[in-house]
């Protein structure tokens, strides 16, 4: 017989932020595929920066699925990737329309 759990486990705030990030990334990829690509890339970059901010603000015990490595490396990698995506979306020129 297994003991029954009388206590419910709570979802950590970091896991909720991670779920938001995954959902927003899927929406960003859909916009990227079927709409204006700059907006889709901008959404992906912004979501990465929000994740980096959440990883910075949340304590280690509440970081949930955001925790992959140490906080410093998580924040540096996600901030770098988000910044690069936003800069590329801003700097790449539009293609001239086809005649």
N, C-alpha and C. Protein backbone atom coordinates (compact mmCIF):
# COMPACT_ATOMS: atom_id res chain seq x y z
N UNK A 1 0.84 -1.18 0.00
CA UNK A 1 0.00 0.00 0.00
C UNK A 1 0.88 1.24 0.00
N UNK A 2 0.51 2.16 -0.82
CA UNK A 2 1.25 3.41 -0.84
C UNK A 2 0.55 4.43 0.03
N UNK A 3 1.33 5.23 0.73
CA UNK A 3 0.71 6.25 1.59
C UNK A 3 0.04 7.31 0.72
N UNK A 4 -1.08 7.77 1.18
CA UNK A 4 -1.79 8.82 0.43
C UNK A 4 -1.23 10.17 0.81
N UNK A 5 -1.26 11.04 -0.14
CA UNK A 5 -0.77 12.39 0.12
C UNK A 5 -1.93 13.27 0.54
N UNK A 6 -1.81 13.84 1.69
CA UNK A 6 -2.85 14.75 2.14
C UNK A 6 -2.53 16.18 1.73
N UNK A 7 -1.30 16.41 1.36
CA UNK A 7 -0.87 17.75 1.00
C UNK A 7 -0.72 17.86 -0.51
N UNK A 8 -1.25 18.93 -1.09
CA UNK A 8 -1.10 19.13 -2.52
C UNK A 8 0.20 19.86 -2.79
N UNK A 9 0.84 19.49 -3.88
CA UNK A 9 2.08 20.16 -4.25
C UNK A 9 1.74 21.43 -5.03
N UNK A 10 2.44 22.50 -4.72
CA UNK A 10 2.22 23.77 -5.39
C UNK A 10 3.14 23.89 -6.59
N UNK A 11 2.64 24.55 -7.61
CA UNK A 11 3.46 24.82 -8.78
C UNK A 11 4.35 26.02 -8.47
N UNK A 12 5.62 25.88 -8.77
CA UNK A 12 6.56 26.96 -8.49
C UNK A 12 6.37 28.10 -9.48
N UNK A 13 6.61 29.34 -9.05
CA UNK A 13 6.45 30.49 -9.95
C UNK A 13 7.32 30.39 -11.20
N UNK A 14 8.50 29.84 -11.08
CA UNK A 14 9.37 29.70 -12.23
C UNK A 14 8.78 28.78 -13.28
N UNK A 15 8.05 27.76 -12.84
CA UNK A 15 7.41 26.85 -13.78
C UNK A 15 6.29 27.57 -14.52
N UNK A 16 5.56 28.44 -13.83
CA UNK A 16 4.51 29.23 -14.50
C UNK A 16 5.12 30.18 -15.53
N UNK A 17 6.25 30.80 -15.19
CA UNK A 17 6.94 31.68 -16.13
C UNK A 17 7.41 30.88 -17.33
N UNK A 18 7.92 29.68 -17.08
CA UNK A 18 8.37 28.82 -18.17
C UNK A 18 7.21 28.45 -19.10
N UNK A 19 6.05 28.15 -18.53
CA UNK A 19 4.87 27.83 -19.34
C UNK A 19 4.46 29.04 -20.19
N UNK A 20 4.52 30.24 -19.61
CA UNK A 20 4.24 31.46 -20.37
C UNK A 20 5.25 31.62 -21.50
N UNK A 21 6.52 31.37 -21.23
CA UNK A 21 7.55 31.50 -22.25
C UNK A 21 7.34 30.54 -23.40
N UNK A 22 7.01 29.31 -23.10
CA UNK A 22 6.79 28.32 -24.16
C UNK A 22 5.59 28.73 -25.01
N UNK A 23 4.52 29.16 -24.37
CA UNK A 23 3.33 29.60 -25.11
C UNK A 23 3.64 30.80 -25.98
N UNK A 24 4.35 31.78 -25.43
CA UNK A 24 4.69 32.97 -26.20
C UNK A 24 5.66 32.64 -27.34
N UNK A 25 6.56 31.70 -27.13
CA UNK A 25 7.48 31.30 -28.21
C UNK A 25 6.72 30.62 -29.34
N UNK A 26 5.74 29.79 -29.01
CA UNK A 26 4.93 29.15 -30.06
C UNK A 26 4.17 30.21 -30.84
N UNK A 27 3.61 31.19 -30.15
CA UNK A 27 2.93 32.29 -30.85
C UNK A 27 3.91 33.09 -31.71
N UNK A 28 5.09 33.35 -31.19
CA UNK A 28 6.10 34.07 -31.96
C UNK A 28 6.53 33.30 -33.20
N UNK A 29 6.66 31.99 -33.08
CA UNK A 29 7.02 31.17 -34.24
C UNK A 29 5.89 31.15 -35.27
N UNK A 30 4.64 31.16 -34.80
CA UNK A 30 3.51 31.22 -35.73
C UNK A 30 3.49 32.56 -36.47
N UNK A 31 3.75 33.65 -35.75
CA UNK A 31 3.82 34.96 -36.40
C UNK A 31 4.99 34.99 -37.37
N UNK A 32 6.09 34.42 -36.98
CA UNK A 32 7.27 34.37 -37.84
C UNK A 32 6.98 33.60 -39.13
N UNK A 33 6.25 32.51 -39.03
CA UNK A 33 5.97 31.68 -40.20
C UNK A 33 4.90 32.28 -41.11
N UNK A 34 3.88 32.90 -40.53
CA UNK A 34 2.72 33.30 -41.32
C UNK A 34 2.48 34.81 -41.36
N UNK A 35 3.28 35.59 -40.68
CA UNK A 35 3.06 37.02 -40.63
C UNK A 35 4.34 37.79 -40.83
N UNK A 36 4.39 39.00 -40.31
CA UNK A 36 5.61 39.80 -40.44
C UNK A 36 6.75 39.20 -39.61
N UNK A 37 7.83 38.87 -40.28
CA UNK A 37 8.92 38.14 -39.62
C UNK A 37 9.58 38.97 -38.52
N UNK A 38 9.66 40.30 -38.70
CA UNK A 38 10.28 41.13 -37.66
C UNK A 38 9.52 41.06 -36.34
N UNK A 39 8.20 41.04 -36.44
CA UNK A 39 7.39 40.95 -35.23
C UNK A 39 7.61 39.60 -34.54
N UNK A 40 7.68 38.52 -35.33
CA UNK A 40 7.91 37.19 -34.75
C UNK A 40 9.26 37.08 -34.07
N UNK A 41 10.31 37.58 -34.73
CA UNK A 41 11.64 37.56 -34.13
C UNK A 41 11.68 38.46 -32.89
N UNK A 42 11.02 39.60 -32.97
CA UNK A 42 10.95 40.50 -31.81
C UNK A 42 10.25 39.86 -30.63
N UNK A 43 9.19 39.11 -30.92
CA UNK A 43 8.48 38.40 -29.84
C UNK A 43 9.39 37.36 -29.19
N UNK A 44 10.12 36.62 -30.00
CA UNK A 44 11.02 35.60 -29.45
C UNK A 44 12.12 36.24 -28.59
N UNK A 45 12.69 37.34 -29.08
CA UNK A 45 13.72 38.03 -28.30
C UNK A 45 13.18 38.59 -27.00
N UNK A 46 11.98 39.16 -27.06
CA UNK A 46 11.38 39.72 -25.85
C UNK A 46 11.06 38.63 -24.83
N UNK A 47 10.60 37.49 -25.30
CA UNK A 47 10.29 36.38 -24.39
C UNK A 47 11.56 35.89 -23.70
N UNK A 48 12.65 35.82 -24.42
CA UNK A 48 13.91 35.41 -23.80
C UNK A 48 14.36 36.43 -22.75
N UNK A 49 14.18 37.70 -23.03
CA UNK A 49 14.56 38.72 -22.04
C UNK A 49 13.66 38.67 -20.80
N UNK A 50 12.38 38.39 -20.99
CA UNK A 50 11.47 38.23 -19.84
C UNK A 50 11.90 37.04 -19.00
N UNK A 51 12.28 35.95 -19.65
CA UNK A 51 12.77 34.78 -18.91
C UNK A 51 14.04 35.07 -18.14
N UNK A 52 14.94 35.84 -18.75
CA UNK A 52 16.17 36.21 -18.04
C UNK A 52 15.86 37.09 -16.83
N UNK A 53 14.91 38.00 -17.00
CA UNK A 53 14.52 38.85 -15.88
C UNK A 53 13.90 38.02 -14.76
N UNK A 54 13.04 37.09 -15.13
CA UNK A 54 12.41 36.24 -14.12
C UNK A 54 13.46 35.38 -13.40
N UNK A 55 14.42 34.88 -14.14
CA UNK A 55 15.48 34.07 -13.52
C UNK A 55 16.32 34.90 -12.57
N UNK A 56 16.48 36.19 -12.89
CA UNK A 56 17.23 37.08 -12.02
C UNK A 56 16.47 37.39 -10.73
N UNK A 57 15.17 37.61 -10.86
CA UNK A 57 14.36 38.08 -9.73
C UNK A 57 13.96 36.94 -8.80
N UNK A 58 13.61 35.78 -9.37
CA UNK A 58 13.13 34.68 -8.52
C UNK A 58 14.27 34.04 -7.74
N UNK A 59 14.03 33.71 -6.48
CA UNK A 59 15.06 32.98 -5.72
C UNK A 59 15.23 31.57 -6.26
N UNK A 60 16.34 30.98 -5.95
CA UNK A 60 16.71 29.66 -6.48
C UNK A 60 15.64 28.60 -6.19
N UNK A 61 15.07 28.61 -5.02
CA UNK A 61 14.11 27.58 -4.64
C UNK A 61 12.76 27.73 -5.36
N UNK A 62 12.50 28.93 -5.94
CA UNK A 62 11.25 29.16 -6.65
C UNK A 62 11.42 29.22 -8.16
N UNK A 63 12.61 28.94 -8.66
CA UNK A 63 12.86 29.12 -10.09
C UNK A 63 12.29 27.98 -10.94
N UNK A 64 11.99 26.84 -10.37
CA UNK A 64 11.31 25.77 -11.09
C UNK A 64 12.02 25.35 -12.37
N UNK A 65 11.26 25.29 -13.47
CA UNK A 65 11.81 24.84 -14.74
C UNK A 65 12.70 25.87 -15.41
N UNK A 66 12.77 27.08 -14.89
CA UNK A 66 13.71 28.06 -15.42
C UNK A 66 15.15 27.71 -15.07
N UNK A 67 15.31 26.92 -14.02
CA UNK A 67 16.65 26.57 -13.54
C UNK A 67 17.24 25.45 -14.39
N UNK A 68 18.27 25.79 -15.15
CA UNK A 68 18.96 24.80 -15.96
C UNK A 68 20.39 24.63 -15.44
N UNK A 69 21.07 25.75 -15.29
CA UNK A 69 22.44 25.75 -14.76
C UNK A 69 22.45 26.73 -13.58
N UNK A 70 23.59 27.29 -13.32
CA UNK A 70 23.65 28.34 -12.31
C UNK A 70 22.90 29.56 -12.81
N UNK A 71 22.44 30.38 -11.89
CA UNK A 71 21.64 31.55 -12.26
C UNK A 71 22.44 32.49 -13.16
N UNK A 72 23.72 32.66 -12.88
CA UNK A 72 24.54 33.58 -13.67
C UNK A 72 24.61 33.14 -15.13
N UNK A 73 24.89 31.88 -15.36
CA UNK A 73 25.00 31.42 -16.75
C UNK A 73 23.64 31.41 -17.44
N UNK A 74 22.56 31.06 -16.73
CA UNK A 74 21.22 31.11 -17.31
C UNK A 74 20.88 32.52 -17.77
N UNK A 75 21.13 33.48 -16.91
CA UNK A 75 20.79 34.87 -17.23
C UNK A 75 21.66 35.40 -18.37
N UNK A 76 22.95 35.11 -18.35
CA UNK A 76 23.83 35.59 -19.41
C UNK A 76 23.46 35.01 -20.77
N UNK A 77 23.19 33.73 -20.82
CA UNK A 77 22.87 33.08 -22.10
C UNK A 77 21.53 33.59 -22.65
N UNK A 78 20.50 33.61 -21.82
CA UNK A 78 19.19 34.04 -22.32
C UNK A 78 19.16 35.53 -22.64
N UNK A 79 19.87 36.35 -21.87
CA UNK A 79 19.94 37.78 -22.19
C UNK A 79 20.69 37.99 -23.49
N UNK A 80 21.78 37.27 -23.68
CA UNK A 80 22.53 37.40 -24.93
C UNK A 80 21.72 36.98 -26.14
N UNK A 81 21.03 35.85 -26.05
CA UNK A 81 20.23 35.40 -27.19
C UNK A 81 19.06 36.34 -27.47
N UNK A 82 18.39 36.81 -26.43
CA UNK A 82 17.28 37.74 -26.63
C UNK A 82 17.74 39.05 -27.23
N UNK A 83 18.87 39.56 -26.77
CA UNK A 83 19.40 40.81 -27.30
C UNK A 83 19.81 40.65 -28.77
N UNK A 84 20.45 39.55 -29.09
CA UNK A 84 20.86 39.32 -30.48
C UNK A 84 19.64 39.24 -31.39
N UNK A 85 18.60 38.55 -30.98
CA UNK A 85 17.40 38.46 -31.81
C UNK A 85 16.75 39.83 -32.01
N UNK A 86 16.66 40.63 -30.95
CA UNK A 86 16.07 41.96 -31.10
C UNK A 86 16.91 42.85 -32.00
N UNK A 87 18.23 42.80 -31.85
CA UNK A 87 19.11 43.62 -32.68
C UNK A 87 19.02 43.19 -34.14
N UNK A 88 19.01 41.88 -34.39
CA UNK A 88 18.89 41.41 -35.77
C UNK A 88 17.56 41.80 -36.39
N UNK A 89 16.49 41.70 -35.63
CA UNK A 89 15.18 42.10 -36.16
C UNK A 89 15.15 43.58 -36.51
N UNK A 90 15.89 44.37 -35.77
CA UNK A 90 15.92 45.81 -36.02
C UNK A 90 16.86 46.17 -37.17
N UNK A 91 17.99 45.51 -37.27
CA UNK A 91 19.03 45.91 -38.20
C UNK A 91 18.92 45.33 -39.63
N UNK A 92 18.34 44.16 -39.78
CA UNK A 92 18.27 43.55 -41.10
C UNK A 92 17.29 44.35 -41.97
N UNK A 93 17.75 44.82 -43.12
CA UNK A 93 16.88 45.63 -43.96
C UNK A 93 15.80 44.77 -44.65
N UNK A 94 14.71 45.43 -44.98
CA UNK A 94 13.65 44.73 -45.72
C UNK A 94 14.12 44.49 -47.15
N UNK A 95 13.60 43.44 -47.72
CA UNK A 95 13.89 43.14 -49.10
C UNK A 95 13.02 44.05 -49.97
N UNK A 96 13.56 44.58 -51.04
CA UNK A 96 12.72 45.38 -51.90
C UNK A 96 11.62 44.50 -52.53
N UNK A 97 10.45 45.06 -52.75
CA UNK A 97 9.38 44.25 -53.31
C UNK A 97 9.74 43.76 -54.72
N UNK A 98 9.24 42.59 -55.04
CA UNK A 98 9.50 42.02 -56.36
C UNK A 98 8.68 42.78 -57.41
N UNK A 99 9.26 42.97 -58.61
CA UNK A 99 8.52 43.71 -59.64
C UNK A 99 7.35 42.94 -60.21
